[in-house]
Amino acid sequence: MKGGIYMTMITIMEAFAIIGVGGTLAIVSYLIGLSQGKIE
């Protein structure tokens, strides 16, 4: 299972690298909106 977790971490990092800072900020702001209940 450790190998699978390691691969998942790499995949997530690669995804963040591809979408860049703007995409990351958009995702973070969306998650904050969800946690505050503003987005249904």
C-alpha atoms as a PDB file:
ATOM      1  CA  MET A   1       0.000   0.000   0.000  1.00  0.00           C
ATOM      2  CA  LYS A   2       2.904   2.370   0.665  1.00  0.00           C
ATOM      3  CA  GLY A   3       3.829   2.258  -3.014  1.00  0.00           C
ATOM      4  CA  GLY A   4       0.271   3.236  -3.962  1.00  0.00           C
ATOM      5  CA  ILE A   5       0.263   6.153  -1.536  1.00  0.00           C
ATOM      6  CA  TYR A   6       3.640   7.308  -2.886  1.00  0.00           C
ATOM      7  CA  MET A   7       2.338   7.207  -6.477  1.00  0.00           C
ATOM      8  CA  THR A   8      -0.785   9.125  -5.447  1.00  0.00           C
ATOM      9  CA  MET A   9       1.342  11.863  -3.858  1.00  0.00           C
ATOM     10  CA  ILE A  10       3.412  12.185  -7.053  1.00  0.00           C
ATOM     11  CA  THR A  11       0.271  12.314  -9.197  1.00  0.00           C
ATOM     12  CA  ILE A  12      -1.211  15.089  -7.027  1.00  0.00           C
ATOM     13  CA  MET A  13       2.044  17.093  -7.201  1.00  0.00           C
ATOM     14  CA  GLU A  14       2.173  16.677 -10.975  1.00  0.00           C
ATOM     15  CA  ALA A  15      -1.436  17.825 -11.279  1.00  0.00           C
ATOM     16  CA  PHE A  16      -0.673  20.970  -9.236  1.00  0.00           C
ATOM     17  CA  ALA A  17       2.405  21.617 -11.395  1.00  0.00           C
ATOM     18  CA  ILE A  18       0.329  21.300 -14.587  1.00  0.00           C
ATOM     19  CA  ILE A  19      -2.603  23.513 -13.546  1.00  0.00           C
ATOM     20  CA  GLY A  20      -0.227  26.028 -12.005  1.00  0.00           C
ATOM     21  CA  VAL A  21      -0.705  28.633  -9.302  1.00  0.00           C
ATOM     22  CA  GLY A  22      -3.918  30.086 -10.775  1.00  0.00           C
ATOM     23  CA  GLY A  23      -5.602  26.692 -10.915  1.00  0.00           C
ATOM     24  CA  THR A  24      -4.455  25.857  -7.404  1.00  0.00           C
ATOM     25  CA  LEU A  25      -5.865  29.125  -6.035  1.00  0.00           C
ATOM     26  CA  ALA A  26      -9.165  28.466  -7.810  1.00  0.00           C
ATOM     27  CA  ILE A  27      -9.410  24.994  -6.250  1.00  0.00           C
ATOM     28  CA  VAL A  28      -8.504  26.301  -2.786  1.00  0.00           C
ATOM     29  CA  SER A  29     -11.059  29.120  -2.973  1.00  0.00           C
ATOM     30  CA  TYR A  30     -13.686  26.611  -4.156  1.00  0.00           C
ATOM     31  CA  LEU A  31     -12.924  24.292  -1.214  1.00  0.00           C
ATOM     32  CA  ILE A  32     -13.118  27.235   1.204  1.00  0.00           C
ATOM     33  CA  GLY A  33     -16.493  28.149  -0.290  1.00  0.00           C
ATOM     34  CA  LEU A  34     -17.692  24.571   0.225  1.00  0.00           C
ATOM     35  CA  SER A  35     -16.529  24.530   3.849  1.00  0.00           C
ATOM     36  CA  GLN A  36     -18.388  27.785   4.475  1.00  0.00           C
ATOM     37  CA  GLY A  37     -21.550  26.414   2.836  1.00  0.00           C
ATOM     38  CA  LYS A  38     -21.704  29.105   0.147  1.00  0.00           C
ATOM     39  CA  ILE A  39     -21.583  26.580  -2.700  1.00  0.00           C
ATOM     40  CA  GLU A  40     -24.379  24.029  -2.849  1.00  0.00           C
END
